[in-house]
Amino acid sequence: MDNAAFFASLWDDYIAIAPQSARIHALFAADNPTVINDHVAFRTFDTGPLSLARLEPRLFDLGYRRHAPYSFPDKHLSAWGYVPADPDAPLIFLSELHVSALSTVAQDILTPMFDSIDPALADTPAVFSAGRVWPAISYSNYRTLAMESEYAGWLAALGLHANHFTVAVHRLQAPTTLEDVVERVRAAGFAINDAGGEIKGTPAELLEQAATLADRQPVAFAGGEMHVVPTCYYEFARRYPDVDGRLYQGFVAASASRIFESTHRNPRQ
């Protein structure tokens, strides 16, 4: 699978469970010949055959290399940022949940999921849009996980998808500020993640970010139960050049921590 096919497949899968993202993309496509994707993010568990260490070789196969690590101890997460060989390709952010930091109750819910995963899934880039590759958990177990870790509940219910795509605001012809981007999205009726403020980061940190709240879609749980849960969100990033004039290629952990909360069930609590 080449890079173009990889990202096209990711996008199709992403907008299928987060249709608001296609509508938001159209807002900017109306004024810009191309809407550049700044980065794509993925979530996984550090336990089982789909850990970060098992998945990242597929990114290496696509020409990516590790750039910088990130830690989110309050959320029991760690991550790496990856940069592409092609400067026009998006960055990638891959995070994983430290399962051993969760309660025994949560681990008992997750362990049968890990045991059911086919290890061969990690051998192809298609794994990043494979969805839920374990039997559906009960809605009760989903709520138990999410009460302890929103990330765990989200991942257990939905599986592997692009958690978000990101508009590269610094590459738009219009609008050119993140404030104007946020206002356009809000005026179109989409809710903005205001955890820590609508705009996270500063020009001094070389990265400003904002995001919608996750779309909400019906998801099938064990026993055929259908419940509406948060799925994926759309992010907006404006990068700035460093002292050497090179565009910043990293992420800001404090900002990313609040962006994670875009998929919380009760984002303002």
C-alpha atoms as a PDB file:
ATOM      1  CA  MET A   1       0.000   0.000   0.000  1.00  0.00           C
ATOM      2  CA  ASP A   2       1.511   3.359  -1.020  1.00  0.00           C
ATOM      3  CA  ASN A   3       1.106   6.530   1.035  1.00  0.00           C
ATOM      4  CA  ALA A   4      -1.627   8.029  -1.121  1.00  0.00           C
ATOM      5  CA  ALA A   5      -3.742   4.878  -0.877  1.00  0.00           C
ATOM      6  CA  PHE A   6      -3.047   4.628   2.859  1.00  0.00           C
ATOM      7  CA  PHE A   7      -4.296   8.130   3.659  1.00  0.00           C
ATOM      8  CA  ALA A   8      -7.231   7.904   1.254  1.00  0.00           C
ATOM      9  CA  SER A   9      -8.380   4.717   2.995  1.00  0.00           C
ATOM     10  CA  LEU A  10      -7.931   6.342   6.400  1.00  0.00           C
ATOM     11  CA  TRP A  11      -9.990   9.366   5.353  1.00  0.00           C
ATOM     12  CA  ASP A  12     -12.850   7.275   3.990  1.00  0.00           C
ATOM     13  CA  ASP A  13     -12.975   5.219   7.183  1.00  0.00           C
ATOM     14  CA  TYR A  14     -12.723   8.347   9.354  1.00  0.00           C
ATOM     15  CA  ILE A  15     -15.562  10.297   7.755  1.00  0.00           C
ATOM     16  CA  ALA A  16     -17.766   7.204   7.832  1.00  0.00           C
ATOM     17  CA  ILE A  17     -17.798   7.385  11.658  1.00  0.00           C
ATOM     18  CA  ALA A  18     -17.311  11.163  11.929  1.00  0.00           C
ATOM     19  CA  PRO A  19     -19.371  12.646   9.071  1.00  0.00           C
ATOM     20  CA  GLN A  20     -19.090  16.135  10.538  1.00  0.00           C
ATOM     21  CA  SER A  21     -15.447  16.120   9.403  1.00  0.00           C
ATOM     22  CA  ALA A  22     -16.398  15.917   5.716  1.00  0.00           C
ATOM     23  CA  ARG A  23     -18.742  18.887   6.154  1.00  0.00           C
ATOM     24  CA  ILE A  24     -16.069  20.894   7.962  1.00  0.00           C
ATOM     25  CA  HIS A  25     -13.509  20.051   5.294  1.00  0.00           C
ATOM     26  CA  ALA A  26     -15.939  21.411   2.697  1.00  0.00           C
ATOM     27  CA  LEU A  27     -16.085  24.747   4.562  1.00  0.00           C
ATOM     28  CA  PHE A  28     -12.403  25.313   3.840  1.00  0.00           C
ATOM     29  CA  ALA A  29     -12.291  23.622   0.440  1.00  0.00           C
ATOM     30  CA  ALA A  30     -14.706  26.314  -0.762  1.00  0.00           C
ATOM     31  CA  ASP A  31     -12.003  28.988  -0.325  1.00  0.00           C
ATOM     32  CA  ASN A  32      -8.825  26.966  -0.824  1.00  0.00           C
ATOM     33  CA  PRO A  33      -7.638  24.954  -3.834  1.00  0.00           C
ATOM     34  CA  THR A  34      -6.222  22.369  -1.404  1.00  0.00           C
ATOM     35  CA  VAL A  35      -6.842  21.750   2.281  1.00  0.00           C
ATOM     36  CA  ILE A  36      -3.570  20.309   3.561  1.00  0.00           C
ATOM     37  CA  ASN A  37      -3.660  17.681   6.301  1.00  0.00           C
ATOM     38  CA  ASP A  38      -1.187  18.612   9.054  1.00  0.00           C
ATOM     39  CA  HIS A  39      -1.252  15.336  10.959  1.00  0.00           C
ATOM     40  CA  VAL A  40      -3.220  12.186  11.708  1.00  0.00           C
ATOM     41  CA  ALA A  41      -3.457  10.611  15.163  1.00  0.00           C
ATOM     42  CA  PHE A  42      -4.009   7.015  16.248  1.00  0.00           C
ATOM     43  CA  ARG A  43      -4.737   5.359  19.578  1.00  0.00           C
ATOM     44  CA  THR A  44      -3.823   1.881  20.824  1.00  0.00           C
ATOM     45  CA  PHE A  45      -3.045  -0.164  23.941  1.00  0.00           C
ATOM     46  CA  ASP A  46       0.480  -0.956  25.150  1.00  0.00           C
ATOM     47  CA  THR A  47      -0.627  -4.545  25.831  1.00  0.00           C
ATOM     48  CA  GLY A  48      -1.411  -7.219  23.263  1.00  0.00           C
ATOM     49  CA  PRO A  49      -0.419  -7.626  19.617  1.00  0.00           C
ATOM     50  CA  LEU A  50      -1.352  -4.078  18.558  1.00  0.00           C
ATOM     51  CA  SER A  51       0.955  -2.087  20.826  1.00  0.00           C
ATOM     52  CA  LEU A  52       2.839   0.952  19.560  1.00  0.00           C
ATOM     53  CA  ALA A  53       5.984  -1.149  19.180  1.00  0.00           C
ATOM     54  CA  ARG A  54       4.090  -3.578  16.936  1.00  0.00           C
ATOM     55  CA  LEU A  55       2.356  -0.887  14.878  1.00  0.00           C
ATOM     56  CA  GLU A  56       5.118   1.626  14.232  1.00  0.00           C
ATOM     57  CA  PRO A  57       7.075  -0.628  11.822  1.00  0.00           C
ATOM     58  CA  ARG A  58       4.180  -0.116   9.404  1.00  0.00           C
ATOM     59  CA  LEU A  59       4.818   3.629   9.650  1.00  0.00           C
ATOM     60  CA  PHE A  60       8.503   3.038   8.987  1.00  0.00           C
ATOM     61  CA  ASP A  61       7.474   1.049   5.901  1.00  0.00           C
ATOM     62  CA  LEU A  62       5.655   4.175   4.691  1.00  0.00           C
ATOM     63  CA  GLY A  63       8.805   6.289   5.062  1.00  0.00           C
ATOM     64  CA  TYR A  64       8.199   7.735   8.523  1.00  0.00           C
ATOM     65  CA  ARG A  65      10.727   8.054  11.318  1.00  0.00           C
ATOM     66  CA  ARG A  66      10.445   8.760  15.014  1.00  0.00           C
ATOM     67  CA  HIS A  67      10.726  12.445  15.879  1.00  0.00           C
ATOM     68  CA  ALA A  68       9.972  12.975  19.584  1.00  0.00           C
ATOM     69  CA  PRO A  69       8.352  11.142  22.529  1.00  0.00           C
ATOM     70  CA  TYR A  70       5.520  12.531  24.676  1.00  0.00           C
ATOM     71  CA  SER A  71       4.170  11.540  28.073  1.00  0.00           C
ATOM     72  CA  PHE A  72       0.757  12.092  29.666  1.00  0.00           C
ATOM     73  CA  PRO A  73       1.037  10.533  33.144  1.00  0.00           C
ATOM     74  CA  ASP A  74      -2.330  11.837  34.341  1.00  0.00           C
ATOM     75  CA  LYS A  75      -4.022   9.945  31.491  1.00  0.00           C
ATOM     76  CA  HIS A  76      -1.679   6.896  31.650  1.00  0.00           C
ATOM     77  CA  LEU A  77      -0.575   7.550  28.080  1.00  0.00           C
ATOM     78  CA  SER A  78       2.638   7.876  26.135  1.00  0.00           C
ATOM     79  CA  ALA A  79       3.152   8.710  22.483  1.00  0.00           C
ATOM     80  CA  TRP A  80       5.583   9.316  19.656  1.00  0.00           C
ATOM     81  CA  GLY A  81       5.435  11.836  16.882  1.00  0.00           C
ATOM     82  CA  TYR A  82       6.589  10.668  13.422  1.00  0.00           C
ATOM     83  CA  VAL A  83       7.795  12.722  10.481  1.00  0.00           C
ATOM     84  CA  PRO A  84       7.563  11.612   6.842  1.00  0.00           C
ATOM     85  CA  ALA A  85      10.247  11.402   4.206  1.00  0.00           C
ATOM     86  CA  ASP A  86       7.941  13.429   1.932  1.00  0.00           C
ATOM     87  CA  PRO A  87       7.654  16.970   3.358  1.00  0.00           C
ATOM     88  CA  ASP A  88       4.157  17.284   1.886  1.00  0.00           C
ATOM     89  CA  ALA A  89       2.876  14.201   3.714  1.00  0.00           C
ATOM     90  CA  PRO A  90       1.167  14.633   7.098  1.00  0.00           C
ATOM     91  CA  LEU A  91       2.874  14.085  10.410  1.00  0.00           C
ATOM     92  CA  ILE A  92       1.650  11.162  12.522  1.00  0.00           C
ATOM     93  CA  PHE A  93       0.946  11.000  16.260  1.00  0.00           C
ATOM     94  CA  LEU A  94       0.649   7.496  17.737  1.00  0.00           C
ATOM     95  CA  SER A  95      -0.305   7.103  21.389  1.00  0.00           C
ATOM     96  CA  GLU A  96      -0.851   4.091  23.624  1.00  0.00           C
ATOM     97  CA  LEU A  97      -2.579   3.471  26.953  1.00  0.00           C
ATOM     98  CA  HIS A  98      -0.583   1.883  29.783  1.00  0.00           C
ATOM     99  CA  VAL A  99      -2.969  -0.915  30.683  1.00  0.00           C
ATOM    100  CA  SER A 100      -1.059  -1.915  33.830  1.00  0.00           C
ATOM    101  CA  ALA A 101      -1.864   1.521  35.316  1.00  0.00           C
ATOM    102  CA  LEU A 102      -5.583   0.738  35.240  1.00  0.00           C
ATOM    103  CA  SER A 103      -7.582  -1.047  37.933  1.00  0.00           C
ATOM    104  CA  THR A 104      -7.913  -4.816  38.075  1.00  0.00           C
ATOM    105  CA  VAL A 105     -11.553  -4.428  37.058  1.00  0.00           C
ATOM    106  CA  ALA A 106     -10.575  -2.543  33.894  1.00  0.00           C
ATOM    107  CA  GLN A 107      -7.786  -4.976  33.071  1.00  0.00           C
ATOM    108  CA  ASP A 108     -10.187  -7.901  33.450  1.00  0.00           C
ATOM    109  CA  ILE A 109     -12.438  -6.319  30.816  1.00  0.00           C
ATOM    110  CA  LEU A 110      -9.561  -5.675  28.431  1.00  0.00           C
ATOM    111  CA  THR A 111      -7.615  -8.937  28.703  1.00  0.00           C
ATOM    112  CA  PRO A 112     -10.125 -11.092  26.751  1.00  0.00           C
ATOM    113  CA  MET A 113     -10.050  -8.458  24.003  1.00  0.00           C
ATOM    114  CA  PHE A 114      -6.288  -8.714  23.667  1.00  0.00           C
ATOM    115  CA  ASP A 115      -6.433 -12.518  23.681  1.00  0.00           C
ATOM    116  CA  SER A 116      -8.830 -12.484  20.723  1.00  0.00           C
ATOM    117  CA  ILE A 117      -6.683 -10.325  18.409  1.00  0.00           C
ATOM    118  CA  ASP A 118      -4.969 -11.941  15.438  1.00  0.00           C
ATOM    119  CA  PRO A 119      -1.284 -10.898  15.697  1.00  0.00           C
ATOM    120  CA  ALA A 120      -1.021 -10.909  11.887  1.00  0.00           C
ATOM    121  CA  LEU A 121      -3.166  -7.757  11.774  1.00  0.00           C
ATOM    122  CA  ALA A 122      -0.103  -5.718  12.728  1.00  0.00           C
ATOM    123  CA  ASP A 123       1.654  -6.819   9.547  1.00  0.00           C
ATOM    124  CA  THR A 124      -0.173  -4.430   7.208  1.00  0.00           C
ATOM    125  CA  PRO A 125      -0.825  -0.652   7.236  1.00  0.00           C
ATOM    126  CA  ALA A 126      -4.538  -1.454   6.830  1.00  0.00           C
ATOM    127  CA  VAL A 127      -4.560  -2.205  10.573  1.00  0.00           C
ATOM    128  CA  PHE A 128      -4.798   1.529  11.254  1.00  0.00           C
ATOM    129  CA  SER A 129      -8.357   1.575   9.907  1.00  0.00           C
ATOM    130  CA  ALA A 130      -9.317  -1.965  10.902  1.00  0.00           C
ATOM    131  CA  GLY A 131     -11.831  -0.809  13.485  1.00  0.00           C
ATOM    132  CA  ARG A 132     -12.791  -3.070  16.371  1.00  0.00           C
ATOM    133  CA  VAL A 133     -10.895  -6.319  15.834  1.00  0.00           C
ATOM    134  CA  TRP A 134     -12.226  -7.968  19.006  1.00  0.00           C
ATOM    135  CA  PRO A 135     -15.745  -9.040  19.996  1.00  0.00           C
ATOM    136  CA  ALA A 136     -18.035  -6.198  21.008  1.00  0.00           C
ATOM    137  CA  ILE A 137     -17.924  -5.462  24.714  1.00  0.00           C
ATOM    138  CA  SER A 138     -21.072  -4.789  26.729  1.00  0.00           C
ATOM    139  CA  TYR A 139     -22.265  -1.240  27.120  1.00  0.00           C
ATOM    140  CA  SER A 140     -21.915  -1.680  30.877  1.00  0.00           C
ATOM    141  CA  ASN A 141     -18.243  -2.601  30.484  1.00  0.00           C
ATOM    142  CA  TYR A 142     -17.749   0.347  28.131  1.00  0.00           C
ATOM    143  CA  ARG A 143     -19.097   2.695  30.786  1.00  0.00           C
ATOM    144  CA  THR A 144     -16.903   1.079  33.448  1.00  0.00           C
ATOM    145  CA  LEU A 145     -13.810   1.600  31.303  1.00  0.00           C
ATOM    146  CA  ALA A 146     -14.743   5.147  30.330  1.00  0.00           C
ATOM    147  CA  MET A 147     -15.351   6.164  33.949  1.00  0.00           C
ATOM    148  CA  GLU A 148     -11.728   5.250  34.652  1.00  0.00           C
ATOM    149  CA  SER A 149     -10.186   6.186  31.301  1.00  0.00           C
ATOM    150  CA  GLU A 150     -12.171   7.867  28.536  1.00  0.00           C
ATOM    151  CA  TYR A 151      -9.393   6.777  26.176  1.00  0.00           C
ATOM    152  CA  ALA A 152      -9.837   3.109  27.184  1.00  0.00           C
ATOM    153  CA  GLY A 153     -13.594   3.251  26.723  1.00  0.00           C
ATOM    154  CA  TRP A 154     -13.294   4.941  23.333  1.00  0.00           C
ATOM    155  CA  LEU A 155     -10.721   2.480  22.035  1.00  0.00           C
ATOM    156  CA  ALA A 156     -12.513  -0.614  23.366  1.00  0.00           C
ATOM    157  CA  ALA A 157     -15.783   0.457  21.740  1.00  0.00           C
ATOM    158  CA  LEU A 158     -14.446   1.664  18.398  1.00  0.00           C
ATOM    159  CA  GLY A 159     -11.103  -0.019  17.769  1.00  0.00           C
ATOM    160  CA  LEU A 160      -8.449   1.312  15.421  1.00  0.00           C
ATOM    161  CA  HIS A 161      -9.283   4.326  13.279  1.00  0.00           C
ATOM    162  CA  ALA A 162      -7.702   7.673  12.552  1.00  0.00           C
ATOM    163  CA  ASN A 163      -8.747   9.424  15.740  1.00  0.00           C
ATOM    164  CA  HIS A 164      -8.520  12.765  13.957  1.00  0.00           C
ATOM    165  CA  PHE A 165      -7.294  14.506  10.842  1.00  0.00           C
ATOM    166  CA  THR A 166      -6.029  18.071  11.082  1.00  0.00           C
ATOM    167  CA  VAL A 167      -6.345  21.158   8.902  1.00  0.00           C
ATOM    168  CA  ALA A 168      -2.931  22.829   8.444  1.00  0.00           C
ATOM    169  CA  VAL A 169      -4.032  26.414   9.066  1.00  0.00           C
ATOM    170  CA  HIS A 170      -0.583  27.790   8.169  1.00  0.00           C
ATOM    171  CA  ARG A 171      -1.130  26.419   4.650  1.00  0.00           C
ATOM    172  CA  LEU A 172      -4.599  27.865   4.066  1.00  0.00           C
ATOM    173  CA  GLN A 173      -5.081  30.847   1.789  1.00  0.00           C
ATOM    174  CA  ALA A 174      -8.091  31.863   3.883  1.00  0.00           C
ATOM    175  CA  PRO A 175      -8.743  32.143   6.724  1.00  0.00           C
ATOM    176  CA  THR A 176      -5.183  32.579   7.968  1.00  0.00           C
ATOM    177  CA  THR A 177      -5.576  32.757  11.754  1.00  0.00           C
ATOM    178  CA  LEU A 178      -6.675  29.995  14.087  1.00  0.00           C
ATOM    179  CA  GLU A 179      -9.146  32.389  15.695  1.00  0.00           C
ATOM    180  CA  ASP A 180     -10.888  32.891  12.357  1.00  0.00           C
ATOM    181  CA  VAL A 181     -10.866  29.151  11.660  1.00  0.00           C
ATOM    182  CA  VAL A 182     -12.534  28.447  14.996  1.00  0.00           C
ATOM    183  CA  GLU A 183     -15.129  31.144  14.407  1.00  0.00           C
ATOM    184  CA  ARG A 184     -15.967  29.770  10.957  1.00  0.00           C
ATOM    185  CA  VAL A 185     -16.404  26.243  12.333  1.00  0.00           C
ATOM    186  CA  ARG A 186     -18.518  27.452  15.255  1.00  0.00           C
ATOM    187  CA  ALA A 187     -20.673  29.636  12.980  1.00  0.00           C
ATOM    188  CA  ALA A 188     -21.397  26.534  10.895  1.00  0.00           C
ATOM    189  CA  GLY A 189     -22.868  24.876  13.988  1.00  0.00           C
ATOM    190  CA  PHE A 190     -20.030  22.651  15.191  1.00  0.00           C
ATOM    191  CA  ALA A 191     -19.045  22.524  18.864  1.00  0.00           C
ATOM    192  CA  ILE A 192     -15.469  23.441  19.819  1.00  0.00           C
ATOM    193  CA  ASN A 193     -13.417  21.737  22.526  1.00  0.00           C
ATOM    194  CA  ASP A 194     -12.920  24.478  25.131  1.00  0.00           C
ATOM    195  CA  ALA A 195     -10.933  22.419  27.676  1.00  0.00           C
ATOM    196  CA  GLY A 196      -8.045  24.678  28.625  1.00  0.00           C
ATOM    197  CA  GLY A 197      -9.385  27.324  26.240  1.00  0.00           C
ATOM    198  CA  GLU A 198     -10.520  26.998  22.666  1.00  0.00           C
ATOM    199  CA  ILE A 199      -7.006  27.700  21.350  1.00  0.00           C
ATOM    200  CA  LYS A 200      -4.280  25.632  22.967  1.00  0.00           C
ATOM    201  CA  GLY A 201      -0.627  26.582  22.647  1.00  0.00           C
ATOM    202  CA  THR A 202       0.978  29.831  21.564  1.00  0.00           C
ATOM    203  CA  PRO A 203       3.208  31.172  18.790  1.00  0.00           C
ATOM    204  CA  ALA A 204       6.055  31.097  21.310  1.00  0.00           C
ATOM    205  CA  GLU A 205       5.558  27.327  21.569  1.00  0.00           C
ATOM    206  CA  LEU A 206       5.552  27.218  17.743  1.00  0.00           C
ATOM    207  CA  LEU A 207       2.178  25.459  17.629  1.00  0.00           C
ATOM    208  CA  GLU A 208      -1.404  26.577  18.160  1.00  0.00           C
ATOM    209  CA  GLN A 209      -4.192  23.999  18.102  1.00  0.00           C
ATOM    210  CA  ALA A 210      -7.968  23.805  18.329  1.00  0.00           C
ATOM    211  CA  ALA A 211     -10.449  20.997  17.777  1.00  0.00           C
ATOM    212  CA  THR A 212     -14.109  20.232  17.505  1.00  0.00           C
ATOM    213  CA  LEU A 213     -15.799  18.000  20.008  1.00  0.00           C
ATOM    214  CA  ALA A 214     -16.070  14.466  18.679  1.00  0.00           C
ATOM    215  CA  ASP A 215     -18.951  13.530  16.448  1.00  0.00           C
ATOM    216  CA  ARG A 216     -21.465  11.180  18.070  1.00  0.00           C
ATOM    217  CA  GLN A 217     -22.685   8.109  16.287  1.00  0.00           C
ATOM    218  CA  PRO A 218     -24.519   4.870  17.170  1.00  0.00           C
ATOM    219  CA  VAL A 219     -22.162   1.986  17.937  1.00  0.00           C
ATOM    220  CA  ALA A 220     -23.038  -1.688  18.368  1.00  0.00           C
ATOM    221  CA  PHE A 221     -22.272  -3.258  21.739  1.00  0.00           C
ATOM    222  CA  ALA A 222     -22.596  -6.862  22.919  1.00  0.00           C
ATOM    223  CA  GLY A 223     -26.047  -8.354  22.667  1.00  0.00           C
ATOM    224  CA  GLY A 224     -26.937  -6.118  19.740  1.00  0.00           C
ATOM    225  CA  GLU A 225     -27.389  -3.012  21.891  1.00  0.00           C
ATOM    226  CA  MET A 226     -26.885   0.259  20.018  1.00  0.00           C
ATOM    227  CA  HIS A 227     -25.754   3.363  21.873  1.00  0.00           C
ATOM    228  CA  VAL A 228     -24.609   6.768  20.695  1.00  0.00           C
ATOM    229  CA  VAL A 229     -21.018   7.470  21.766  1.00  0.00           C
ATOM    230  CA  PRO A 230     -18.277   9.975  20.845  1.00  0.00           C
ATOM    231  CA  THR A 231     -16.349   8.924  17.753  1.00  0.00           C
ATOM    232  CA  CYS A 232     -13.747  11.197  16.105  1.00  0.00           C
ATOM    233  CA  TYR A 233     -13.073  14.919  15.862  1.00  0.00           C
ATOM    234  CA  TYR A 234     -11.437  17.369  13.482  1.00  0.00           C
ATOM    235  CA  GLU A 235      -8.407  19.374  14.574  1.00  0.00           C
ATOM    236  CA  PHE A 236      -6.902  22.649  13.338  1.00  0.00           C
ATOM    237  CA  ALA A 237      -3.200  23.417  13.761  1.00  0.00           C
ATOM    238  CA  ARG A 238      -1.085  26.441  12.988  1.00  0.00           C
ATOM    239  CA  ARG A 239       2.660  25.855  13.030  1.00  0.00           C
ATOM    240  CA  TYR A 240       5.383  28.492  13.230  1.00  0.00           C
ATOM    241  CA  PRO A 241       9.034  28.463  12.121  1.00  0.00           C
ATOM    242  CA  ASP A 242      11.801  27.975  14.669  1.00  0.00           C
ATOM    243  CA  VAL A 243      14.876  30.196  15.031  1.00  0.00           C
ATOM    244  CA  ASP A 244      16.438  28.483  12.013  1.00  0.00           C
ATOM    245  CA  GLY A 245      13.384  29.202   9.881  1.00  0.00           C
ATOM    246  CA  ARG A 246      12.216  25.576   9.833  1.00  0.00           C
ATOM    247  CA  LEU A 247       8.566  24.862  10.479  1.00  0.00           C
ATOM    248  CA  TYR A 248       8.079  23.191  13.860  1.00  0.00           C
ATOM    249  CA  GLN A 249       7.474  19.447  13.409  1.00  0.00           C
ATOM    250  CA  GLY A 250       6.650  18.429  16.955  1.00  0.00           C
ATOM    251  CA  PHE A 251       3.700  18.579  19.313  1.00  0.00           C
ATOM    252  CA  VAL A 252       3.084  20.334  22.653  1.00  0.00           C
ATOM    253  CA  ALA A 253       2.228  17.795  25.352  1.00  0.00           C
ATOM    254  CA  ALA A 254       0.135  20.164  27.466  1.00  0.00           C
ATOM    255  CA  SER A 255      -1.983  21.096  24.458  1.00  0.00           C
ATOM    256  CA  ALA A 256      -2.269  17.515  23.231  1.00  0.00           C
ATOM    257  CA  SER A 257      -3.497  16.441  26.661  1.00  0.00           C
ATOM    258  CA  ARG A 258      -6.494  18.776  26.371  1.00  0.00           C
ATOM    259  CA  ILE A 259      -7.066  17.839  22.725  1.00  0.00           C
ATOM    260  CA  PHE A 260      -7.443  14.213  23.872  1.00  0.00           C
ATOM    261  CA  GLU A 261     -10.516  15.377  25.779  1.00  0.00           C
ATOM    262  CA  SER A 262     -12.357  16.043  22.523  1.00  0.00           C
ATOM    263  CA  THR A 263     -13.628  12.450  22.733  1.00  0.00           C
ATOM    264  CA  HIS A 264     -14.811  12.659  26.347  1.00  0.00           C
ATOM    265  CA  ARG A 265     -18.439  11.805  26.895  1.00  0.00           C
ATOM    266  CA  ASN A 266     -18.931  14.879  29.087  1.00  0.00           C
ATOM    267  CA  PRO A 267     -16.231  17.197  27.766  1.00  0.00           C
ATOM    268  CA  ARG A 268     -17.033  20.175  29.977  1.00  0.00           C
ATOM    269  CA  GLN A 269     -17.095  18.304  33.256  1.00  0.00           C
END
